[in-house]
Amino acid sequence: MLAKIIAIGLATLVGICIAEGAEPNGAPPAGWRVVAGPAKAGEKPGAPATTAPPEGPATPPSAALPAAANPATPITPPGAAPAATPAAAVAPTRLTRVSPGNGALPNDAGQVWREYDISPYTRQVTGNDKPEQAIVDWILRETGTEAWFSHPLGILSAERNTLKVYHTPAMQEAVLDVVERFVRSQAKPQTIGIRLVTVENPNWRALAFRALRPVNVQSPGVQAWLVTKEDAALLLDQLRKRSDYREHNAPNLVINNGQSETLVRKRPRSYTKGLMLKQEWPFHDIEMGQVEEGFALQIAPLVAADARTIDAVIKCQVDQVEQIVPVWLDVPTPNNSSGRVQIQVPQMTSWRLHERFRWPADMVLLLSAGVVAMPDAGKSTAMTLPSFFDSGPARADALLFLESKGVPKLPPGVVGTPDPARTGALPYAGRY
């Protein structure tokens, strides 16, 4: 009887060992070690030893959670290879090498740090949240943008009252010359007379060429001259007597020195742009389009420190609809036949002028864009059928007169004369 009980107990013990992953002979699984811990209370010193997993790196708390509590982390049995990490969770490898540097600005070209007080100018400018931006723009025009974004290292930063510059001593001198022009003027308003006129025939040059002093121009097709104020007044008087003369704009702009103003005269022109088909009657919707016809003229004048010359960036943009080209489309009708609907394609003509000029303050700068589209053809705003049969687009010689009428008086102790070699259009130097 006793032998039968012992046999049953041994069989049960072997089944438990197999279920727990132990060897049938009672040895622990491969890779496990036997731990003989201290005897517990009430336990005899000869109690069986327990098994523990092999020693290794500590398991993160999240990995120790049951699968239900941490489904994203699979439980790896002892001795098994860890599960592969999903490809989406691996951060992309960057090839760019980044270093913290040595913590100091490089000055291999002798760069120096300078801070310029521009408050005498900026505190006088009203109606502009960032008047200091005009100083930055003019510095970039004078020095070029490449000088600040290539070797040697350069820094140009402006706050409301301070301009911070890090560059070579030679560049610092160039920056100082520009800043001095702003600070000396103290943002005193300049009155600039702007007159935009057109004449259909450019033969006005035959009578006026003796009074015109040509200057250099960078833009193709554009001509420029210097004219005395007396000769400019006589020329305008002669042009007004012509039947093809038309004056489009003749204001006197009051501009803070160095800031910019824009004149805009545009009008919307509507046309049938296209059709959008649909399933129900009338099986299509008409899509309307709109273009703006007219001109926009922007000028930014800057008076020199000696008040004898004026620099100005002039940007003019003219857009005109020459004609409307009709296109007929076949569309379905309720009786399964086809109907015809007209859409329109505008034929545009445009011209652009973007130049920086320098001229004496006591003279008038006259610009001609050549025979181009007229800034305002005088047509009705509605594009109707008769416009399809116009004899041709309106063309004319566009003339722009620029005259300084309110340059500040020469500051005490400042003398100087305009540099004839730098009169006219100046080379592009970056930001315009």
Foldseek 3Di string as FASTA:
>chain_A
DVVVVVVVVLVVVLVVCVVVQQDSVPHRHPQKDWDQDQADVPGDSVDGTDIDHHDDDDDDPLQPDDCVVRVVADHDPRPDDGDDDDPVPDDDDDPDDDDPPPPDQDCPVPKDKDKDFLVLQLVLDPPDPAPVVLLVLVLCQQAFPVQDVDPPHWDWDDDSTMTIIIDHPVSVVSSVQSSLLRNLLSQAWWKKKKWKKWAADPPLCVVLVVQWAWDDDDDPQKTKTWGFPVSVVVSVVVLVPDPRMDTDDTDIDTGGASDKDKDDDKDKAKFFADWDADDDPVRIDTDMDIDIFFKMKMKGWTAGLQRFKIKMWIKMKGKDFWAKDKDWDWDAHPVRHTDIDIGIDTDMFMDIDTFIFMDTQRIKMKMKSAWGADRDPPDDRYRDDVRRPDPTGDITTMMMIIHTDGGDHGPPPDDDHDDVVRGTTDDGRHRD
